[in-house]
């Protein structure tokens, strides 16, 4: 029993560290801390179950220290499987039978799908944010201008490196963003033109944030 507990704890901890910090920051920004931690708690159920299953497949008995070591090894193996993906088989030296390998593979698939759900939820949040920024309201057009400045700043850096095609694409994107921002920042702009610029800029920024998975706060 000690080995199972240790395997479960080790698998959960290592699976947390295995996540890409950029992904974590992306989810936190667009889901909010409360929604993020609720979803991450649910995500931890999978490595916990996989760690417990791996711990059960290990031989038990002997001293408590030996059980702890075996449990830790099982937890490491479970976390490694989650990182490798559902197509990765367990090492041949393991004592796990084929049926257990199939169950573990299914749990790894569930973990992968849960991460995809986090990505989808973040994308939906981005879409809602920029959809609300298309029409006049509280904070309009401040939110669009802040986000536009954020994206333009990153794209300006990209213009200085990479392939010629990438530099050209970044330059074109910056130019379009700046044009729309100039229209929104001008208090003398006609309402109809202002609305058109807000819609176009919101669409452009939404696409950039989803495609590049940007997570930094707006430039100030």
C-alpha atoms as a PDB file:
ATOM      1  CA  UNK A   1       0.000   0.000   0.000  1.00  0.00           C
ATOM      2  CA  UNK A   2       2.890   2.335   0.762  1.00  0.00           C
ATOM      3  CA  UNK A   3       4.268   1.793  -2.724  1.00  0.00           C
ATOM      4  CA  UNK A   4       0.922   2.665  -4.333  1.00  0.00           C
ATOM      5  CA  UNK A   5       0.658   5.915  -2.397  1.00  0.00           C
ATOM      6  CA  UNK A   6       4.224   6.888  -3.246  1.00  0.00           C
ATOM      7  CA  UNK A   7       3.697   6.032  -6.924  1.00  0.00           C
ATOM      8  CA  UNK A   8       0.539   8.147  -7.034  1.00  0.00           C
ATOM      9  CA  UNK A   9       2.190  11.181  -5.433  1.00  0.00           C
ATOM     10  CA  UNK A  10       5.315  10.937  -7.591  1.00  0.00           C
ATOM     11  CA  UNK A  11       3.283  10.588 -10.813  1.00  0.00           C
ATOM     12  CA  UNK A  12       1.170  13.665  -9.980  1.00  0.00           C
ATOM     13  CA  UNK A  13       4.161  15.819  -9.045  1.00  0.00           C
ATOM     14  CA  UNK A  14       6.243  14.846 -12.068  1.00  0.00           C
ATOM     15  CA  UNK A  15       3.306  15.291 -14.452  1.00  0.00           C
ATOM     16  CA  UNK A  16       2.904  18.839 -13.143  1.00  0.00           C
ATOM     17  CA  UNK A  17       6.568  19.632 -13.779  1.00  0.00           C
ATOM     18  CA  UNK A  18       6.430  17.991 -17.212  1.00  0.00           C
ATOM     19  CA  UNK A  19       3.917  20.504 -18.539  1.00  0.00           C
ATOM     20  CA  UNK A  20       5.375  23.249 -20.701  1.00  0.00           C
ATOM     21  CA  UNK A  21       5.597  26.492 -18.645  1.00  0.00           C
ATOM     22  CA  UNK A  22       4.446  28.423 -21.725  1.00  0.00           C
ATOM     23  CA  UNK A  23       1.302  26.272 -21.898  1.00  0.00           C
ATOM     24  CA  UNK A  24       0.636  26.850 -18.200  1.00  0.00           C
ATOM     25  CA  UNK A  25       1.012  30.624 -18.599  1.00  0.00           C
ATOM     26  CA  UNK A  26      -1.249  30.539 -21.678  1.00  0.00           C
ATOM     27  CA  UNK A  27      -3.978  28.671 -19.806  1.00  0.00           C
ATOM     28  CA  UNK A  28      -3.709  30.910 -16.734  1.00  0.00           C
ATOM     29  CA  UNK A  29      -4.031  34.103 -18.737  1.00  0.00           C
ATOM     30  CA  UNK A  30      -7.033  33.123 -20.810  1.00  0.00           C
ATOM     31  CA  UNK A  31      -8.924  30.885 -18.374  1.00  0.00           C
ATOM     32  CA  UNK A  32      -8.349  32.917 -15.225  1.00  0.00           C
ATOM     33  CA  UNK A  33      -6.742  31.482 -12.107  1.00  0.00           C
ATOM     34  CA  UNK A  34      -9.931  29.987 -10.638  1.00  0.00           C
ATOM     35  CA  UNK A  35     -11.055  28.203 -13.802  1.00  0.00           C
ATOM     36  CA  UNK A  36      -7.477  27.174 -14.482  1.00  0.00           C
ATOM     37  CA  UNK A  37      -6.974  25.502 -11.100  1.00  0.00           C
ATOM     38  CA  UNK A  38     -10.360  23.772 -11.265  1.00  0.00           C
ATOM     39  CA  UNK A  39      -9.412  22.243 -14.607  1.00  0.00           C
ATOM     40  CA  UNK A  40      -5.891  21.409 -13.457  1.00  0.00           C
ATOM     41  CA  UNK A  41      -7.289  19.584 -10.426  1.00  0.00           C
ATOM     42  CA  UNK A  42      -9.341  17.439 -12.772  1.00  0.00           C
ATOM     43  CA  UNK A  43      -6.279  16.921 -14.946  1.00  0.00           C
ATOM     44  CA  UNK A  44      -4.329  15.601 -11.944  1.00  0.00           C
ATOM     45  CA  UNK A  45      -6.812  12.729 -11.581  1.00  0.00           C
ATOM     46  CA  UNK A  46      -5.327  10.985 -14.626  1.00  0.00           C
ATOM     47  CA  UNK A  47      -1.680  10.840 -13.471  1.00  0.00           C
ATOM     48  CA  UNK A  48      -2.920   9.883 -10.002  1.00  0.00           C
ATOM     49  CA  UNK A  49      -4.843   6.929 -11.433  1.00  0.00           C
ATOM     50  CA  UNK A  50      -1.971   5.957 -13.699  1.00  0.00           C
ATOM     51  CA  UNK A  51       0.515   6.154 -10.830  1.00  0.00           C
ATOM     52  CA  UNK A  52      -1.709   4.032  -8.609  1.00  0.00           C
ATOM     53  CA  UNK A  53      -2.142   1.448 -11.362  1.00  0.00           C
ATOM     54  CA  UNK A  54       1.620   1.351 -11.979  1.00  0.00           C
ATOM     55  CA  UNK A  55       2.202   0.951  -8.237  1.00  0.00           C
ATOM     56  CA  UNK A  56      -0.215  -1.987  -8.073  1.00  0.00           C
ATOM     57  CA  UNK A  57       1.630  -3.803 -10.842  1.00  0.00           C
ATOM     58  CA  UNK A  58       4.921  -3.706  -8.918  1.00  0.00           C
ATOM     59  CA  UNK A  59       5.861  -6.545  -6.606  1.00  0.00           C
ATOM     60  CA  UNK A  60       5.267  -5.675  -2.951  1.00  0.00           C
ATOM     61  CA  UNK A  61       6.703  -7.022   0.255  1.00  0.00           C
ATOM     62  CA  UNK A  62       9.938  -6.712   2.115  1.00  0.00           C
ATOM     63  CA  UNK A  63      10.889  -3.552   3.937  1.00  0.00           C
ATOM     64  CA  UNK A  64       9.022  -0.250   3.841  1.00  0.00           C
ATOM     65  CA  UNK A  65      12.042   1.426   2.272  1.00  0.00           C
ATOM     66  CA  UNK A  66      11.962  -1.080  -0.583  1.00  0.00           C
ATOM     67  CA  UNK A  67       8.248  -0.413  -1.121  1.00  0.00           C
ATOM     68  CA  UNK A  68       8.933   3.323  -1.240  1.00  0.00           C
ATOM     69  CA  UNK A  69      11.676   2.851  -3.808  1.00  0.00           C
ATOM     70  CA  UNK A  70       9.470   0.612  -5.934  1.00  0.00           C
ATOM     71  CA  UNK A  71       6.609   3.085  -5.656  1.00  0.00           C
ATOM     72  CA  UNK A  72       8.830   5.977  -6.686  1.00  0.00           C
ATOM     73  CA  UNK A  73      10.064   3.999  -9.698  1.00  0.00           C
ATOM     74  CA  UNK A  74       6.460   3.223 -10.668  1.00  0.00           C
ATOM     75  CA  UNK A  75       5.506   6.893 -10.350  1.00  0.00           C
ATOM     76  CA  UNK A  76       8.417   7.920 -12.552  1.00  0.00           C
ATOM     77  CA  UNK A  77       7.410   5.336 -15.166  1.00  0.00           C
ATOM     78  CA  UNK A  78       3.798   6.551 -15.109  1.00  0.00           C
ATOM     79  CA  UNK A  79       4.814  10.204 -15.519  1.00  0.00           C
ATOM     80  CA  UNK A  80       7.174   9.264 -18.353  1.00  0.00           C
ATOM     81  CA  UNK A  81       4.361   7.482 -20.137  1.00  0.00           C
ATOM     82  CA  UNK A  82       2.121  10.543 -19.917  1.00  0.00           C
ATOM     83  CA  UNK A  83       4.888  12.653 -21.384  1.00  0.00           C
ATOM     84  CA  UNK A  84       5.601  10.164 -24.173  1.00  0.00           C
ATOM     85  CA  UNK A  85       1.951   9.862 -25.190  1.00  0.00           C
ATOM     86  CA  UNK A  86      -0.517   6.989 -25.476  1.00  0.00           C
ATOM     87  CA  UNK A  87       1.357   5.164 -28.235  1.00  0.00           C
ATOM     88  CA  UNK A  88       4.430   4.537 -26.072  1.00  0.00           C
ATOM     89  CA  UNK A  89       4.639   1.052 -24.557  1.00  0.00           C
ATOM     90  CA  UNK A  90       5.938   0.385 -21.090  1.00  0.00           C
ATOM     91  CA  UNK A  91       9.475  -1.038 -20.821  1.00  0.00           C
ATOM     92  CA  UNK A  92       9.692  -4.785 -21.364  1.00  0.00           C
ATOM     93  CA  UNK A  93      11.349  -5.258 -17.994  1.00  0.00           C
ATOM     94  CA  UNK A  94       8.216  -4.107 -16.188  1.00  0.00           C
ATOM     95  CA  UNK A  95       5.971  -6.660 -14.533  1.00  0.00           C
ATOM     96  CA  UNK A  96       2.827  -5.139 -16.065  1.00  0.00           C
ATOM     97  CA  UNK A  97       0.822  -7.553 -18.258  1.00  0.00           C
ATOM     98  CA  UNK A  98      -0.629  -6.592 -21.652  1.00  0.00           C
ATOM     99  CA  UNK A  99      -4.050  -5.746 -20.199  1.00  0.00           C
ATOM    100  CA  UNK A 100      -2.510  -3.257 -17.789  1.00  0.00           C
ATOM    101  CA  UNK A 101      -0.516  -1.698 -20.603  1.00  0.00           C
ATOM    102  CA  UNK A 102      -3.762  -1.141 -22.508  1.00  0.00           C
ATOM    103  CA  UNK A 103      -5.386   0.500 -19.491  1.00  0.00           C
ATOM    104  CA  UNK A 104      -2.370   2.738 -18.978  1.00  0.00           C
ATOM    105  CA  UNK A 105      -2.392   3.678 -22.654  1.00  0.00           C
ATOM    106  CA  UNK A 106      -6.058   4.634 -22.352  1.00  0.00           C
ATOM    107  CA  UNK A 107      -5.298   6.819 -19.326  1.00  0.00           C
ATOM    108  CA  UNK A 108      -2.445   8.500 -21.216  1.00  0.00           C
ATOM    109  CA  UNK A 109      -4.872   9.178 -24.075  1.00  0.00           C
ATOM    110  CA  UNK A 110      -7.338  10.722 -21.615  1.00  0.00           C
ATOM    111  CA  UNK A 111      -4.575  12.959 -20.259  1.00  0.00           C
ATOM    112  CA  UNK A 112      -3.691  14.105 -23.751  1.00  0.00           C
ATOM    113  CA  UNK A 113      -7.346  14.847 -24.497  1.00  0.00           C
ATOM    114  CA  UNK A 114      -7.681  16.791 -21.221  1.00  0.00           C
ATOM    115  CA  UNK A 115      -4.769  19.005 -22.246  1.00  0.00           C
ATOM    116  CA  UNK A 116      -6.458  19.544 -25.616  1.00  0.00           C
ATOM    117  CA  UNK A 117      -9.618  20.589 -23.764  1.00  0.00           C
ATOM    118  CA  UNK A 118      -7.584  23.196 -21.880  1.00  0.00           C
ATOM    119  CA  UNK A 119      -6.313  24.514 -25.208  1.00  0.00           C
ATOM    120  CA  UNK A 120      -9.857  24.623 -26.605  1.00  0.00           C
ATOM    121  CA  UNK A 121     -11.159  26.458 -23.534  1.00  0.00           C
ATOM    122  CA  UNK A 122      -8.357  29.035 -23.821  1.00  0.00           C
ATOM    123  CA  UNK A 123      -9.116  29.516 -27.515  1.00  0.00           C
ATOM    124  CA  UNK A 124     -12.806  30.028 -26.735  1.00  0.00           C
ATOM    125  CA  UNK A 125     -11.875  32.628 -24.112  1.00  0.00           C
ATOM    126  CA  UNK A 126      -9.718  34.473 -26.651  1.00  0.00           C
ATOM    127  CA  UNK A 127     -12.574  34.456 -29.151  1.00  0.00           C
ATOM    128  CA  UNK A 128     -15.015  35.829 -26.548  1.00  0.00           C
ATOM    129  CA  UNK A 129     -12.596  38.555 -25.482  1.00  0.00           C
ATOM    130  CA  UNK A 130     -11.991  39.869 -28.982  1.00  0.00           C
ATOM    131  CA  UNK A 131     -15.622  39.432 -30.034  1.00  0.00           C
ATOM    132  CA  UNK A 132     -16.607  41.728 -27.175  1.00  0.00           C
ATOM    133  CA  UNK A 133     -13.889  44.175 -28.296  1.00  0.00           C
ATOM    134  CA  UNK A 134     -15.462  44.605 -31.731  1.00  0.00           C
ATOM    135  CA  UNK A 135     -18.268  46.854 -30.508  1.00  0.00           C
ATOM    136  CA  UNK A 136     -18.198  50.053 -28.422  1.00  0.00           C
ATOM    137  CA  UNK A 137     -18.500  49.456 -24.694  1.00  0.00           C
ATOM    138  CA  UNK A 138     -16.637  49.807 -21.392  1.00  0.00           C
ATOM    139  CA  UNK A 139     -12.919  50.008 -22.072  1.00  0.00           C
ATOM    140  CA  UNK A 140     -13.386  50.345 -25.838  1.00  0.00           C
ATOM    141  CA  UNK A 141     -10.984  50.655 -27.624  1.00  0.00           C
ATOM    142  CA  UNK A 142      -8.422  50.466 -24.791  1.00  0.00           C
ATOM    143  CA  UNK A 143      -8.411  46.649 -24.668  1.00  0.00           C
ATOM    144  CA  UNK A 144      -7.869  46.400 -28.415  1.00  0.00           C
ATOM    145  CA  UNK A 145      -5.110  48.992 -28.399  1.00  0.00           C
ATOM    146  CA  UNK A 146      -3.280  47.282 -25.512  1.00  0.00           C
ATOM    147  CA  UNK A 147      -3.477  43.885 -27.210  1.00  0.00           C
ATOM    148  CA  UNK A 148      -2.490  45.383 -30.553  1.00  0.00           C
ATOM    149  CA  UNK A 149       0.590  46.970 -28.999  1.00  0.00           C
ATOM    150  CA  UNK A 150       1.495  43.639 -27.408  1.00  0.00           C
ATOM    151  CA  UNK A 151       1.311  41.747 -30.689  1.00  0.00           C
ATOM    152  CA  UNK A 152       3.028  44.484 -32.696  1.00  0.00           C
ATOM    153  CA  UNK A 153       5.921  44.532 -30.213  1.00  0.00           C
ATOM    154  CA  UNK A 154       6.542  40.801 -30.644  1.00  0.00           C
ATOM    155  CA  UNK A 155       6.178  40.958 -34.419  1.00  0.00           C
ATOM    156  CA  UNK A 156       8.682  43.809 -34.597  1.00  0.00           C
ATOM    157  CA  UNK A 157      11.215  41.530 -32.913  1.00  0.00           C
ATOM    158  CA  UNK A 158      10.470  38.793 -35.458  1.00  0.00           C
ATOM    159  CA  UNK A 159      11.113  41.221 -38.297  1.00  0.00           C
ATOM    160  CA  UNK A 160      14.760  41.254 -37.291  1.00  0.00           C
ATOM    161  CA  UNK A 161      15.365  37.521 -37.695  1.00  0.00           C
ATOM    162  CA  UNK A 162      14.154  34.320 -39.300  1.00  0.00           C
ATOM    163  CA  UNK A 163      13.632  33.562 -42.965  1.00  0.00           C
ATOM    164  CA  UNK A 164      12.890  36.305 -45.497  1.00  0.00           C
ATOM    165  CA  UNK A 165       9.318  35.023 -45.825  1.00  0.00           C
ATOM    166  CA  UNK A 166       8.798  35.128 -42.036  1.00  0.00           C
ATOM    167  CA  UNK A 167      10.230  38.649 -41.830  1.00  0.00           C
ATOM    168  CA  UNK A 168       7.991  39.800 -44.672  1.00  0.00           C
ATOM    169  CA  UNK A 169       4.881  38.241 -43.094  1.00  0.00           C
ATOM    170  CA  UNK A 170       5.675  39.816 -39.711  1.00  0.00           C
ATOM    171  CA  UNK A 171       6.184  43.209 -41.335  1.00  0.00           C
ATOM    172  CA  UNK A 172       2.879  42.998 -43.178  1.00  0.00           C
ATOM    173  CA  UNK A 173       1.044  42.016 -39.996  1.00  0.00           C
ATOM    174  CA  UNK A 174       2.585  44.911 -38.059  1.00  0.00           C
ATOM    175  CA  UNK A 175       1.592  47.329 -40.786  1.00  0.00           C
ATOM    176  CA  UNK A 176      -2.042  46.179 -40.755  1.00  0.00           C
ATOM    177  CA  UNK A 177      -2.178  46.286 -36.948  1.00  0.00           C
ATOM    178  CA  UNK A 178      -0.714  49.797 -36.818  1.00  0.00           C
ATOM    179  CA  UNK A 179      -3.133  51.040 -39.476  1.00  0.00           C
ATOM    180  CA  UNK A 180      -6.151  49.792 -37.528  1.00  0.00           C
ATOM    181  CA  UNK A 181      -4.769  51.131 -34.250  1.00  0.00           C
ATOM    182  CA  UNK A 182      -4.217  54.591 -35.769  1.00  0.00           C
ATOM    183  CA  UNK A 183      -7.841  54.689 -36.859  1.00  0.00           C
ATOM    184  CA  UNK A 184      -9.097  53.682 -33.408  1.00  0.00           C
ATOM    185  CA  UNK A 185      -6.811  56.126 -31.595  1.00  0.00           C
ATOM    186  CA  UNK A 186      -7.935  59.102 -33.701  1.00  0.00           C
ATOM    187  CA  UNK A 187     -10.863  60.853 -31.922  1.00  0.00           C
ATOM    188  CA  UNK A 188     -11.934  62.473 -35.215  1.00  0.00           C
ATOM    189  CA  UNK A 189     -12.506  59.145 -36.981  1.00  0.00           C
ATOM    190  CA  UNK A 190     -16.058  58.598 -38.251  1.00  0.00           C
ATOM    191  CA  UNK A 191     -18.024  56.021 -36.193  1.00  0.00           C
ATOM    192  CA  UNK A 192     -18.521  53.716 -39.176  1.00  0.00           C
ATOM    193  CA  UNK A 193     -14.816  53.650 -40.002  1.00  0.00           C
ATOM    194  CA  UNK A 194     -14.000  53.215 -36.343  1.00  0.00           C
ATOM    195  CA  UNK A 195     -16.285  50.197 -36.135  1.00  0.00           C
ATOM    196  CA  UNK A 196     -14.760  48.657 -39.252  1.00  0.00           C
ATOM    197  CA  UNK A 197     -11.227  49.083 -37.861  1.00  0.00           C
ATOM    198  CA  UNK A 198     -12.253  47.567 -34.505  1.00  0.00           C
ATOM    199  CA  UNK A 199     -13.752  44.513 -36.207  1.00  0.00           C
ATOM    200  CA  UNK A 200     -10.737  43.972 -38.473  1.00  0.00           C
ATOM    201  CA  UNK A 201      -8.206  44.444 -35.664  1.00  0.00           C
ATOM    202  CA  UNK A 202     -10.098  42.123 -33.308  1.00  0.00           C
ATOM    203  CA  UNK A 203     -10.205  39.393 -35.948  1.00  0.00           C
ATOM    204  CA  UNK A 204      -6.499  39.771 -36.693  1.00  0.00           C
ATOM    205  CA  UNK A 205      -5.430  39.748 -33.038  1.00  0.00           C
ATOM    206  CA  UNK A 206      -7.674  36.811 -32.156  1.00  0.00           C
ATOM    207  CA  UNK A 207      -6.072  34.758 -34.919  1.00  0.00           C
ATOM    208  CA  UNK A 208      -2.548  35.721 -33.809  1.00  0.00           C
ATOM    209  CA  UNK A 209      -3.163  34.877 -30.135  1.00  0.00           C
ATOM    210  CA  UNK A 210      -4.660  31.475 -30.939  1.00  0.00           C
ATOM    211  CA  UNK A 211      -2.093  30.535 -33.572  1.00  0.00           C
ATOM    212  CA  UNK A 212       0.961  31.627 -31.601  1.00  0.00           C
ATOM    213  CA  UNK A 213      -0.417  30.748 -28.152  1.00  0.00           C
ATOM    214  CA  UNK A 214       0.777  34.062 -26.735  1.00  0.00           C
ATOM    215  CA  UNK A 215       0.286  34.480 -23.025  1.00  0.00           C
ATOM    216  CA  UNK A 216       2.084  37.651 -21.977  1.00  0.00           C
ATOM    217  CA  UNK A 217       0.182  40.569 -20.517  1.00  0.00           C
ATOM    218  CA  UNK A 218      -0.456  43.639 -22.697  1.00  0.00           C
ATOM    219  CA  UNK A 219       2.508  45.984 -23.183  1.00  0.00           C
ATOM    220  CA  UNK A 220       2.338  49.173 -21.120  1.00  0.00           C
END
